[in-house]
Amino acid sequence: MSLVITDECINCDVCEPECPNQAISMGPDIYVIDPKRCTECVGHFDEPQCVQVCPVDCIPKDPEHVEASETLWMKYRRLQAETA
């Protein structure tokens, strides 16, 4: 499952540099998460780093992008192969 940033985002800029997959970028008004790149930090960390640093708790799981753990691992491996 990918994560999503809600409109409660205050644009504090702390989540973007924490993402190991470069899935977070500035959108028109608030930061956004690319579901094609978000692995919830699977393969990198035990917990999503953006959620850990978010001061307003505005990064829940995205119900529109439900993925099993194995799918997140496959996405992680694909992203790693792209950067190699």
N, C-alpha and C. Protein backbone atom coordinates (compact mmCIF):
# COMPACT_ATOMS: atom_id res chain seq x y z
N MET A 1 0.84 -1.17 0.00
CA MET A 1 0.00 0.00 0.00
C MET A 1 0.88 1.23 0.00
N SER A 2 0.52 2.14 -0.78
CA SER A 2 1.22 3.42 -0.81
C SER A 2 0.68 4.30 0.31
N LEU A 3 1.41 5.34 0.59
CA LEU A 3 0.95 6.34 1.55
C LEU A 3 0.45 7.54 0.76
N VAL A 4 -0.27 8.41 1.44
CA VAL A 4 -0.80 9.61 0.82
C VAL A 4 -0.66 10.77 1.80
N ILE A 5 -0.42 11.95 1.28
CA ILE A 5 -0.34 13.13 2.13
C ILE A 5 -1.67 13.87 2.02
N THR A 6 -2.30 14.11 3.16
CA THR A 6 -3.61 14.76 3.17
C THR A 6 -3.47 16.28 3.13
N ASP A 7 -4.59 16.94 2.96
CA ASP A 7 -4.57 18.41 2.89
C ASP A 7 -4.28 19.07 4.23
N GLU A 8 -4.03 18.28 5.26
CA GLU A 8 -3.59 18.82 6.54
C GLU A 8 -2.10 19.16 6.52
N CYS A 9 -1.42 18.82 5.42
CA CYS A 9 0.01 19.09 5.28
C CYS A 9 0.28 20.58 5.45
N ILE A 10 1.34 20.90 6.20
CA ILE A 10 1.71 22.30 6.43
C ILE A 10 2.95 22.69 5.64
N ASN A 11 3.37 21.83 4.70
CA ASN A 11 4.54 22.11 3.86
C ASN A 11 5.79 22.42 4.68
N CYS A 12 6.03 21.62 5.68
CA CYS A 12 7.18 21.86 6.56
C CYS A 12 8.50 21.39 5.94
N ASP A 13 8.42 20.65 4.85
CA ASP A 13 9.60 20.20 4.10
C ASP A 13 10.41 19.09 4.76
N VAL A 14 9.93 18.44 5.80
CA VAL A 14 10.74 17.41 6.44
C VAL A 14 10.57 16.03 5.82
N CYS A 15 9.46 15.77 5.16
CA CYS A 15 9.22 14.42 4.63
C CYS A 15 10.01 14.12 3.36
N GLU A 16 10.10 15.08 2.46
CA GLU A 16 10.73 14.84 1.16
C GLU A 16 12.14 14.28 1.26
N PRO A 17 13.05 14.88 2.03
CA PRO A 17 14.41 14.33 2.08
C PRO A 17 14.51 12.98 2.79
N GLU A 18 13.49 12.61 3.55
CA GLU A 18 13.52 11.34 4.28
C GLU A 18 13.17 10.14 3.41
N CYS A 19 12.54 10.37 2.26
CA CYS A 19 12.06 9.28 1.42
C CYS A 19 13.21 8.63 0.65
N PRO A 20 13.51 7.35 0.91
CA PRO A 20 14.62 6.70 0.22
C PRO A 20 14.32 6.39 -1.25
N ASN A 21 13.06 6.49 -1.65
CA ASN A 21 12.66 6.16 -3.02
C ASN A 21 12.36 7.40 -3.87
N GLN A 22 12.59 8.58 -3.32
CA GLN A 22 12.26 9.83 -4.02
C GLN A 22 10.81 9.82 -4.51
N ALA A 23 9.92 9.33 -3.66
CA ALA A 23 8.50 9.25 -4.00
C ALA A 23 7.75 10.52 -3.62
N ILE A 24 8.36 11.40 -2.83
CA ILE A 24 7.68 12.60 -2.34
C ILE A 24 8.20 13.81 -3.10
N SER A 25 7.26 14.62 -3.57
CA SER A 25 7.63 15.86 -4.25
C SER A 25 6.58 16.92 -3.95
N MET A 26 6.91 18.15 -4.26
CA MET A 26 5.97 19.24 -4.04
C MET A 26 4.92 19.22 -5.13
N GLY A 27 3.65 19.21 -4.73
CA GLY A 27 2.55 19.28 -5.68
C GLY A 27 2.13 20.73 -5.86
N PRO A 28 0.97 20.96 -6.44
CA PRO A 28 0.50 22.33 -6.64
C PRO A 28 0.35 23.13 -5.35
N ASP A 29 -0.12 22.45 -4.29
CA ASP A 29 -0.35 23.14 -3.01
C ASP A 29 0.38 22.52 -1.84
N ILE A 30 0.47 21.19 -1.84
CA ILE A 30 1.11 20.46 -0.75
C ILE A 30 1.99 19.37 -1.36
N TYR A 31 2.76 18.72 -0.51
CA TYR A 31 3.57 17.60 -0.97
C TYR A 31 2.67 16.45 -1.39
N VAL A 32 3.16 15.66 -2.34
CA VAL A 32 2.42 14.50 -2.83
C VAL A 32 3.36 13.30 -2.84
N ILE A 33 2.76 12.11 -2.81
CA ILE A 33 3.52 10.86 -2.86
C ILE A 33 3.16 10.12 -4.13
N ASP A 34 4.17 9.74 -4.89
CA ASP A 34 3.98 8.97 -6.11
C ASP A 34 3.77 7.51 -5.71
N PRO A 35 2.56 6.96 -5.92
CA PRO A 35 2.30 5.59 -5.50
C PRO A 35 3.14 4.56 -6.26
N LYS A 36 3.67 4.93 -7.40
CA LYS A 36 4.51 4.01 -8.17
C LYS A 36 5.90 3.88 -7.55
N ARG A 37 6.27 4.82 -6.69
CA ARG A 37 7.59 4.79 -6.06
C ARG A 37 7.54 4.51 -4.56
N CYS A 38 6.37 4.66 -3.94
CA CYS A 38 6.26 4.47 -2.49
C CYS A 38 6.20 2.99 -2.14
N THR A 39 7.13 2.58 -1.27
CA THR A 39 7.13 1.20 -0.77
C THR A 39 6.89 1.17 0.74
N GLU A 40 6.46 2.31 1.29
CA GLU A 40 6.33 2.45 2.75
C GLU A 40 7.66 2.16 3.43
N CYS A 41 8.74 2.42 2.73
CA CYS A 41 10.11 2.21 3.19
C CYS A 41 10.50 0.74 3.32
N VAL A 42 9.68 -0.17 2.78
CA VAL A 42 10.04 -1.59 2.76
C VAL A 42 11.37 -1.72 2.03
N GLY A 43 12.28 -2.47 2.61
CA GLY A 43 13.59 -2.65 2.03
C GLY A 43 14.61 -1.65 2.56
N HIS A 44 14.15 -0.59 3.15
CA HIS A 44 15.04 0.44 3.68
C HIS A 44 14.95 0.55 5.20
N PHE A 45 13.73 0.65 5.71
CA PHE A 45 13.49 0.87 7.13
C PHE A 45 12.31 0.03 7.61
N ASP A 46 12.18 -0.12 8.92
CA ASP A 46 11.07 -0.87 9.50
C ASP A 46 9.77 -0.08 9.48
N GLU A 47 9.86 1.24 9.47
CA GLU A 47 8.69 2.12 9.47
C GLU A 47 8.86 3.18 8.39
N PRO A 48 7.74 3.66 7.81
CA PRO A 48 7.84 4.74 6.84
C PRO A 48 8.46 5.98 7.49
N GLN A 49 9.54 6.45 6.92
CA GLN A 49 10.26 7.57 7.50
C GLN A 49 9.48 8.88 7.44
N CYS A 50 8.70 9.08 6.38
CA CYS A 50 7.92 10.31 6.28
C CYS A 50 6.90 10.39 7.42
N VAL A 51 6.30 9.25 7.75
CA VAL A 51 5.33 9.22 8.85
C VAL A 51 6.03 9.53 10.17
N GLN A 52 7.24 9.01 10.33
CA GLN A 52 7.99 9.22 11.57
C GLN A 52 8.32 10.69 11.81
N VAL A 53 8.61 11.44 10.74
CA VAL A 53 9.04 12.84 10.93
C VAL A 53 7.91 13.85 10.79
N CYS A 54 6.76 13.45 10.30
CA CYS A 54 5.66 14.38 10.06
C CYS A 54 5.12 14.95 11.39
N PRO A 55 5.17 16.28 11.54
CA PRO A 55 4.72 16.88 12.80
C PRO A 55 3.20 16.99 12.93
N VAL A 56 2.46 16.80 11.84
CA VAL A 56 1.01 16.96 11.93
C VAL A 56 0.25 15.67 11.64
N ASP A 57 0.95 14.56 11.50
CA ASP A 57 0.29 13.27 11.31
C ASP A 57 -0.67 13.29 10.13
N CYS A 58 -0.17 13.67 8.96
CA CYS A 58 -1.04 13.79 7.79
C CYS A 58 -0.66 12.82 6.67
N ILE A 59 -0.01 11.68 7.03
CA ILE A 59 0.42 10.72 6.01
C ILE A 59 -0.13 9.33 6.35
N PRO A 60 -1.39 9.08 6.02
CA PRO A 60 -1.97 7.75 6.25
C PRO A 60 -1.72 6.83 5.05
N LYS A 61 -2.13 5.58 5.20
CA LYS A 61 -2.11 4.65 4.08
C LYS A 61 -3.16 5.09 3.06
N ASP A 62 -2.85 4.92 1.81
CA ASP A 62 -3.74 5.34 0.73
C ASP A 62 -4.68 4.20 0.36
N PRO A 63 -5.96 4.31 0.68
CA PRO A 63 -6.90 3.22 0.38
C PRO A 63 -7.09 2.99 -1.12
N GLU A 64 -6.67 3.93 -1.95
CA GLU A 64 -6.78 3.77 -3.39
C GLU A 64 -5.61 2.99 -3.99
N HIS A 65 -4.59 2.73 -3.19
CA HIS A 65 -3.41 2.01 -3.66
C HIS A 65 -3.01 0.92 -2.66
N VAL A 66 -3.87 -0.06 -2.51
CA VAL A 66 -3.65 -1.16 -1.58
C VAL A 66 -2.67 -2.16 -2.22
N GLU A 67 -1.61 -2.49 -1.48
CA GLU A 67 -0.62 -3.44 -1.97
C GLU A 67 -0.21 -4.37 -0.84
N ALA A 68 -0.02 -5.63 -1.17
CA ALA A 68 0.45 -6.61 -0.20
C ALA A 68 1.93 -6.40 0.05
N SER A 69 2.42 -6.95 1.14
CA SER A 69 3.83 -6.83 1.50
C SER A 69 4.73 -7.34 0.38
N GLU A 70 4.39 -8.44 -0.24
CA GLU A 70 5.21 -8.99 -1.32
C GLU A 70 5.26 -8.02 -2.50
N THR A 71 4.17 -7.35 -2.78
CA THR A 71 4.15 -6.37 -3.87
C THR A 71 5.08 -5.20 -3.55
N LEU A 72 5.09 -4.77 -2.30
CA LEU A 72 5.99 -3.69 -1.90
C LEU A 72 7.45 -4.12 -2.05
N TRP A 73 7.76 -5.38 -1.72
CA TRP A 73 9.11 -5.89 -1.89
C TRP A 73 9.49 -5.92 -3.37
N MET A 74 8.56 -6.34 -4.23
CA MET A 74 8.84 -6.38 -5.66
C MET A 74 9.09 -4.97 -6.19
N LYS A 75 8.30 -4.01 -5.72
CA LYS A 75 8.48 -2.63 -6.13
C LYS A 75 9.84 -2.12 -5.66
N TYR A 76 10.21 -2.43 -4.43
CA TYR A 76 11.52 -2.05 -3.89
C TYR A 76 12.64 -2.59 -4.79
N ARG A 77 12.55 -3.89 -5.14
CA ARG A 77 13.59 -4.50 -5.96
C ARG A 77 13.64 -3.86 -7.36
N ARG A 78 12.49 -3.52 -7.92
CA ARG A 78 12.44 -2.85 -9.22
C ARG A 78 13.11 -1.49 -9.15
N LEU A 79 12.78 -0.73 -8.11
CA LEU A 79 13.37 0.60 -7.95
C LEU A 79 14.89 0.52 -7.76
N GLN A 80 15.34 -0.49 -7.02
CA GLN A 80 16.78 -0.66 -6.81
C GLN A 80 17.48 -1.01 -8.11
N ALA A 81 16.84 -1.82 -8.94
CA ALA A 81 17.43 -2.20 -10.23
C ALA A 81 17.52 -0.98 -11.16
N GLU A 82 16.55 -0.07 -11.06
CA GLU A 82 16.57 1.14 -11.89
C GLU A 82 17.73 2.06 -11.54
N THR A 83 18.13 2.06 -10.27
CA THR A 83 19.19 2.97 -9.84
C THR A 83 20.57 2.33 -9.95
N ALA A 84 20.63 1.05 -10.25
CA ALA A 84 21.93 0.35 -10.35
C ALA A 84 22.60 0.60 -11.66
